[in-house]
Amino acid sequence: MLTPDELRSLVFGTIGGVAVEVVNIVRAYEDKGTLAKRYRQPVFLAARTTLALIGGALAVAYGNLSPLLAFHVGAATPAIVQNFSRLSGEKGGGAPRARRRAGHPSDKEEDQEDQGTEQED
């Protein structure tokens, strides 16, 4: 059974994860004027819901967090999980992602590849 502090972390962590997805939905809708097809697919919705719940669980795992910090952990969970999956699937770890976010010039090709795959909604 969860303690009241753990339950609070779970709730705020999950809300943080949901907030990220709401921002993604709004951004996709504003870009195309319609909801992307992936948001109508039950498998995608189940996966994103699970990811939000993982955000809540991760906030609980971090220990006694303030609601704001639990929210931040939940919001960061998609990036954390994505980085774990990248680390397990490529040589050299997550360095390309870190350079790309910092605007490293050697990653222009990867940026172009990413843009090509993101347009497949």
N, C-alpha and C. Protein backbone atom coordinates (compact mmCIF):
# COMPACT_ATOMS: atom_id res chain seq x y z
N MET A 1 0.84 -1.19 0.00
CA MET A 1 0.00 0.00 0.00
C MET A 1 0.88 1.24 0.00
N LEU A 2 0.47 2.25 -0.72
CA LEU A 2 1.23 3.49 -0.82
C LEU A 2 0.94 4.39 0.39
N THR A 3 1.97 5.05 0.84
CA THR A 3 1.79 6.06 1.88
C THR A 3 1.17 7.30 1.23
N PRO A 4 0.65 8.23 2.03
CA PRO A 4 0.10 9.46 1.43
C PRO A 4 1.13 10.23 0.60
N ASP A 5 2.38 10.29 1.05
CA ASP A 5 3.42 10.98 0.28
C ASP A 5 3.70 10.27 -1.05
N GLU A 6 3.73 8.95 -1.02
CA GLU A 6 3.95 8.19 -2.25
C GLU A 6 2.78 8.35 -3.21
N LEU A 7 1.58 8.36 -2.69
CA LEU A 7 0.40 8.55 -3.53
C LEU A 7 0.43 9.93 -4.19
N ARG A 8 0.82 10.93 -3.41
CA ARG A 8 0.94 12.29 -3.96
C ARG A 8 1.98 12.32 -5.09
N SER A 9 3.12 11.67 -4.87
CA SER A 9 4.15 11.62 -5.92
C SER A 9 3.64 10.89 -7.15
N LEU A 10 2.91 9.80 -6.94
CA LEU A 10 2.34 9.05 -8.06
C LEU A 10 1.39 9.92 -8.87
N VAL A 11 0.51 10.63 -8.19
CA VAL A 11 -0.48 11.46 -8.88
C VAL A 11 0.19 12.60 -9.64
N PHE A 12 1.08 13.33 -8.97
CA PHE A 12 1.73 14.47 -9.63
C PHE A 12 2.69 14.02 -10.72
N GLY A 13 3.36 12.89 -10.54
CA GLY A 13 4.23 12.36 -11.58
C GLY A 13 3.44 11.96 -12.81
N THR A 14 2.30 11.33 -12.58
CA THR A 14 1.44 10.93 -13.70
C THR A 14 0.89 12.16 -14.42
N ILE A 15 0.48 13.16 -13.66
CA ILE A 15 -0.01 14.40 -14.27
C ILE A 15 1.08 15.05 -15.11
N GLY A 16 2.32 15.01 -14.63
CA GLY A 16 3.44 15.55 -15.42
C GLY A 16 3.59 14.83 -16.74
N GLY A 17 3.46 13.50 -16.70
CA GLY A 17 3.55 12.72 -17.93
C GLY A 17 2.41 13.01 -18.89
N VAL A 18 1.22 13.20 -18.35
CA VAL A 18 0.06 13.52 -19.18
C VAL A 18 0.22 14.92 -19.78
N ALA A 19 0.76 15.84 -19.01
CA ALA A 19 0.93 17.22 -19.49
C ALA A 19 1.82 17.27 -20.73
N VAL A 20 2.88 16.46 -20.73
CA VAL A 20 3.76 16.41 -21.90
C VAL A 20 2.99 15.94 -23.12
N GLU A 21 2.16 14.96 -22.95
CA GLU A 21 1.39 14.44 -24.09
C GLU A 21 0.36 15.45 -24.56
N VAL A 22 -0.23 16.19 -23.66
CA VAL A 22 -1.18 17.24 -24.05
C VAL A 22 -0.48 18.29 -24.90
N VAL A 23 0.72 18.68 -24.49
CA VAL A 23 1.50 19.64 -25.28
C VAL A 23 1.79 19.06 -26.67
N ASN A 24 2.17 17.78 -26.73
CA ASN A 24 2.44 17.14 -28.03
C ASN A 24 1.20 17.12 -28.91
N ILE A 25 0.04 16.85 -28.34
CA ILE A 25 -1.21 16.82 -29.11
C ILE A 25 -1.54 18.21 -29.64
N VAL A 26 -1.43 19.21 -28.77
CA VAL A 26 -1.72 20.59 -29.20
C VAL A 26 -0.77 21.02 -30.31
N ARG A 27 0.52 20.72 -30.14
CA ARG A 27 1.51 21.09 -31.16
C ARG A 27 1.20 20.40 -32.49
N ALA A 28 0.88 19.11 -32.44
CA ALA A 28 0.56 18.38 -33.68
C ALA A 28 -0.70 18.95 -34.34
N TYR A 29 -1.69 19.30 -33.53
CA TYR A 29 -2.92 19.86 -34.06
C TYR A 29 -2.68 21.24 -34.68
N GLU A 30 -1.87 22.06 -34.02
CA GLU A 30 -1.59 23.40 -34.55
C GLU A 30 -0.78 23.33 -35.84
N ASP A 31 0.13 22.36 -35.94
CA ASP A 31 0.96 22.23 -37.14
C ASP A 31 0.16 21.79 -38.36
N LYS A 32 -0.77 20.86 -38.16
CA LYS A 32 -1.47 20.27 -39.30
C LYS A 32 -2.94 20.65 -39.40
N GLY A 33 -3.49 21.26 -38.36
CA GLY A 33 -4.89 21.65 -38.38
C GLY A 33 -5.83 20.48 -38.12
N THR A 34 -5.28 19.33 -37.86
CA THR A 34 -6.07 18.15 -37.56
C THR A 34 -5.28 17.26 -36.62
N LEU A 35 -5.96 16.38 -35.96
CA LEU A 35 -5.30 15.47 -35.03
C LEU A 35 -4.57 14.39 -35.81
N ALA A 36 -3.31 14.15 -35.46
CA ALA A 36 -2.51 13.13 -36.14
C ALA A 36 -3.17 11.76 -36.00
N LYS A 37 -3.00 10.92 -37.01
CA LYS A 37 -3.61 9.60 -37.03
C LYS A 37 -3.21 8.75 -35.83
N ARG A 38 -1.97 8.91 -35.38
CA ARG A 38 -1.49 8.07 -34.27
C ARG A 38 -2.32 8.27 -33.01
N TYR A 39 -2.90 9.46 -32.83
CA TYR A 39 -3.70 9.72 -31.63
C TYR A 39 -5.07 9.05 -31.68
N ARG A 40 -5.39 8.44 -32.80
CA ARG A 40 -6.65 7.70 -32.92
C ARG A 40 -6.44 6.19 -32.81
N GLN A 41 -5.20 5.78 -32.64
CA GLN A 41 -4.89 4.35 -32.58
C GLN A 41 -4.80 3.88 -31.13
N PRO A 42 -5.58 2.87 -30.76
CA PRO A 42 -5.61 2.40 -29.37
C PRO A 42 -4.24 1.96 -28.84
N VAL A 43 -3.41 1.37 -29.67
CA VAL A 43 -2.10 0.91 -29.21
C VAL A 43 -1.24 2.11 -28.82
N PHE A 44 -1.27 3.16 -29.62
CA PHE A 44 -0.50 4.36 -29.31
C PHE A 44 -1.01 5.00 -28.02
N LEU A 45 -2.32 5.11 -27.89
CA LEU A 45 -2.90 5.71 -26.69
C LEU A 45 -2.57 4.89 -25.45
N ALA A 46 -2.61 3.57 -25.57
CA ALA A 46 -2.26 2.71 -24.44
C ALA A 46 -0.80 2.87 -24.06
N ALA A 47 0.06 2.97 -25.07
CA ALA A 47 1.49 3.14 -24.80
C ALA A 47 1.76 4.48 -24.11
N ARG A 48 1.14 5.53 -24.56
CA ARG A 48 1.36 6.85 -23.95
C ARG A 48 0.76 6.93 -22.55
N THR A 49 -0.37 6.27 -22.34
CA THR A 49 -0.95 6.22 -21.00
C THR A 49 -0.03 5.46 -20.06
N THR A 50 0.51 4.35 -20.54
CA THR A 50 1.45 3.56 -19.74
C THR A 50 2.69 4.38 -19.42
N LEU A 51 3.17 5.15 -20.37
CA LEU A 51 4.34 5.99 -20.14
C LEU A 51 4.05 7.05 -19.08
N ALA A 52 2.85 7.62 -19.07
CA ALA A 52 2.49 8.58 -18.03
C ALA A 52 2.45 7.91 -16.66
N LEU A 53 1.93 6.69 -16.61
CA LEU A 53 1.91 5.95 -15.34
C LEU A 53 3.31 5.57 -14.87
N ILE A 54 4.18 5.28 -15.83
CA ILE A 54 5.59 5.02 -15.48
C ILE A 54 6.20 6.28 -14.87
N GLY A 55 5.82 7.44 -15.38
CA GLY A 55 6.28 8.71 -14.80
C GLY A 55 5.87 8.84 -13.35
N GLY A 56 4.65 8.44 -13.05
CA GLY A 56 4.20 8.46 -11.66
C GLY A 56 4.96 7.47 -10.81
N ALA A 57 5.19 6.29 -11.34
CA ALA A 57 5.93 5.27 -10.59
C ALA A 57 7.38 5.69 -10.38
N LEU A 58 7.96 6.33 -11.37
CA LEU A 58 9.34 6.80 -11.24
C LEU A 58 9.43 7.89 -10.17
N ALA A 59 8.43 8.75 -10.10
CA ALA A 59 8.40 9.78 -9.06
C ALA A 59 8.33 9.14 -7.68
N VAL A 60 7.55 8.08 -7.55
CA VAL A 60 7.49 7.35 -6.27
C VAL A 60 8.84 6.73 -5.96
N ALA A 61 9.49 6.17 -6.96
CA ALA A 61 10.78 5.51 -6.76
C ALA A 61 11.86 6.48 -6.31
N TYR A 62 11.76 7.72 -6.72
CA TYR A 62 12.74 8.72 -6.31
C TYR A 62 12.64 9.04 -4.83
N GLY A 63 11.53 8.73 -4.23
CA GLY A 63 11.39 8.97 -2.79
C GLY A 63 10.44 10.12 -2.51
N ASN A 64 10.57 10.69 -1.34
CA ASN A 64 9.67 11.74 -0.89
C ASN A 64 9.94 13.04 -1.64
N LEU A 65 9.16 13.29 -2.68
CA LEU A 65 9.33 14.47 -3.52
C LEU A 65 8.21 15.46 -3.28
N SER A 66 8.51 16.73 -3.50
CA SER A 66 7.46 17.74 -3.49
C SER A 66 6.57 17.51 -4.71
N PRO A 67 5.35 18.02 -4.68
CA PRO A 67 4.49 17.85 -5.86
C PRO A 67 5.11 18.41 -7.15
N LEU A 68 5.78 19.55 -7.05
CA LEU A 68 6.38 20.14 -8.23
C LEU A 68 7.51 19.26 -8.78
N LEU A 69 8.34 18.74 -7.91
CA LEU A 69 9.42 17.87 -8.36
C LEU A 69 8.87 16.56 -8.92
N ALA A 70 7.83 16.02 -8.31
CA ALA A 70 7.21 14.81 -8.85
C ALA A 70 6.64 15.07 -10.24
N PHE A 71 6.03 16.25 -10.43
CA PHE A 71 5.53 16.65 -11.75
C PHE A 71 6.67 16.68 -12.76
N HIS A 72 7.79 17.26 -12.36
CA HIS A 72 8.95 17.35 -13.26
C HIS A 72 9.48 15.96 -13.63
N VAL A 73 9.54 15.07 -12.66
CA VAL A 73 10.01 13.71 -12.94
C VAL A 73 9.06 13.04 -13.94
N GLY A 74 7.76 13.19 -13.73
CA GLY A 74 6.79 12.62 -14.66
C GLY A 74 6.91 13.20 -16.05
N ALA A 75 7.13 14.51 -16.13
CA ALA A 75 7.27 15.16 -17.43
C ALA A 75 8.56 14.73 -18.13
N ALA A 76 9.59 14.44 -17.36
CA ALA A 76 10.88 14.04 -17.94
C ALA A 76 10.93 12.56 -18.30
N THR A 77 9.98 11.79 -17.83
CA THR A 77 10.02 10.34 -18.02
C THR A 77 10.08 9.92 -19.49
N PRO A 78 9.32 10.52 -20.41
CA PRO A 78 9.47 10.09 -21.82
C PRO A 78 10.90 10.24 -22.32
N ALA A 79 11.57 11.33 -21.97
CA ALA A 79 12.96 11.53 -22.39
C ALA A 79 13.88 10.52 -21.72
N ILE A 80 13.63 10.23 -20.45
CA ILE A 80 14.46 9.26 -19.71
C ILE A 80 14.32 7.88 -20.35
N VAL A 81 13.11 7.46 -20.60
CA VAL A 81 12.87 6.13 -21.17
C VAL A 81 13.41 6.06 -22.59
N GLN A 82 13.23 7.12 -23.36
CA GLN A 82 13.75 7.14 -24.72
C GLN A 82 15.27 7.05 -24.71
N ASN A 83 15.91 7.74 -23.79
CA ASN A 83 17.36 7.68 -23.70
C ASN A 83 17.81 6.27 -23.32
N PHE A 84 17.10 5.60 -22.41
CA PHE A 84 17.43 4.22 -22.06
C PHE A 84 17.33 3.32 -23.29
N SER A 85 16.30 3.50 -24.09
CA SER A 85 16.14 2.64 -25.27
C SER A 85 17.23 2.93 -26.28
N ARG A 86 17.66 4.18 -26.40
CA ARG A 86 18.75 4.52 -27.32
C ARG A 86 20.06 3.92 -26.82
N LEU A 87 20.28 3.98 -25.52
CA LEU A 87 21.51 3.44 -24.95
C LEU A 87 21.62 1.95 -25.18
N SER A 88 20.49 1.25 -25.11
CA SER A 88 20.53 -0.19 -25.28
C SER A 88 20.63 -0.60 -26.74
N GLY A 89 20.35 0.33 -27.66
CA GLY A 89 20.32 -0.04 -29.07
C GLY A 89 21.42 0.52 -29.94
N GLU A 90 22.35 1.28 -29.37
CA GLU A 90 23.40 1.84 -30.22
C GLU A 90 24.73 1.85 -29.49
N LYS A 91 25.79 1.83 -30.28
CA LYS A 91 27.13 1.90 -29.71
C LYS A 91 27.40 3.32 -29.26
N GLY A 92 28.12 3.47 -28.17
CA GLY A 92 28.53 4.80 -27.73
C GLY A 92 27.49 5.54 -26.91
N GLY A 93 26.37 4.90 -26.60
CA GLY A 93 25.40 5.52 -25.71
C GLY A 93 24.60 6.65 -26.35
N GLY A 94 24.20 7.57 -25.54
CA GLY A 94 23.29 8.63 -25.95
C GLY A 94 23.97 9.90 -26.39
N ALA A 95 25.24 9.90 -26.70
CA ALA A 95 25.95 11.13 -27.05
C ALA A 95 25.34 11.86 -28.24
N PRO A 96 24.91 11.17 -29.33
CA PRO A 96 24.33 11.92 -30.45
C PRO A 96 23.13 12.76 -30.04
N ARG A 97 22.27 12.25 -29.18
CA ARG A 97 21.11 13.01 -28.73
C ARG A 97 21.55 14.24 -27.94
N ALA A 98 22.53 14.08 -27.07
CA ALA A 98 23.00 15.20 -26.26
C ALA A 98 23.60 16.29 -27.15
N ARG A 99 24.38 15.91 -28.14
CA ARG A 99 24.96 16.90 -29.04
C ARG A 99 23.86 17.58 -29.85
N ARG A 100 22.89 16.81 -30.31
CA ARG A 100 21.84 17.39 -31.15
C ARG A 100 21.05 18.42 -30.35
N ARG A 101 20.72 18.13 -29.12
CA ARG A 101 19.98 19.09 -28.32
C ARG A 101 20.80 20.34 -28.05
N ALA A 102 22.10 20.20 -28.03
CA ALA A 102 22.97 21.36 -27.81
C ALA A 102 23.24 22.08 -29.13
N GLY A 103 22.73 21.56 -30.24
CA GLY A 103 22.91 22.18 -31.54
C GLY A 103 24.27 21.90 -32.16
N HIS A 104 24.85 20.76 -31.87
CA HIS A 104 26.16 20.41 -32.38
C HIS A 104 26.09 20.29 -33.90
N PRO A 105 27.00 20.95 -34.63
CA PRO A 105 26.91 20.97 -36.10
C PRO A 105 27.06 19.61 -36.77
N SER A 106 27.72 18.65 -36.14
CA SER A 106 27.93 17.36 -36.79
C SER A 106 26.67 16.52 -36.85
N ASP A 107 25.60 16.97 -36.24
CA ASP A 107 24.38 16.18 -36.21
C ASP A 107 23.32 16.67 -37.20
N LYS A 108 23.71 17.49 -38.16
CA LYS A 108 22.73 18.00 -39.13
C LYS A 108 22.09 16.87 -39.92
N GLU A 109 22.87 15.84 -40.26
CA GLU A 109 22.30 14.71 -41.00
C GLU A 109 21.26 13.99 -40.17
N GLU A 110 21.56 13.76 -38.87
CA GLU A 110 20.59 13.09 -38.00
C GLU A 110 19.34 13.93 -37.85
N ASP A 111 19.50 15.27 -37.76
CA ASP A 111 18.33 16.14 -37.66
C ASP A 111 17.44 15.99 -38.89
N GLN A 112 18.07 15.92 -40.07
CA GLN A 112 17.30 15.77 -41.30
C GLN A 112 16.60 14.42 -41.33
N GLU A 113 17.28 13.37 -40.87
CA GLU A 113 16.65 12.05 -40.80
C GLU A 113 15.48 12.06 -39.84
N ASP A 114 15.65 12.69 -38.67
CA ASP A 114 14.57 12.77 -37.69
C ASP A 114 13.37 13.52 -38.26
N GLN A 115 13.61 14.59 -38.98
CA GLN A 115 12.51 15.36 -39.56
C GLN A 115 11.75 14.53 -40.58
N GLY A 116 12.47 13.70 -41.31
CA GLY A 116 11.82 12.85 -42.30
C GLY A 116 10.92 11.81 -41.65
N THR A 117 11.34 11.26 -40.50
CA THR A 117 10.53 10.23 -39.85
C THR A 117 9.38 10.82 -39.07
N GLU A 118 9.51 12.05 -38.57
CA GLU A 118 8.43 12.66 -37.79
C GLU A 118 7.24 13.02 -38.66
N GLN A 119 7.44 13.16 -39.97
CA GLN A 119 6.36 13.57 -40.84
C GLN A 119 5.49 12.40 -41.29
N GLU A 120 5.73 11.21 -40.75
CA GLU A 120 5.00 10.02 -41.19
C GLU A 120 3.72 9.79 -40.40
N ASP A 121 3.05 10.83 -39.92
CA ASP A 121 1.82 10.67 -39.13
C ASP A 121 0.76 10.22 -40.00
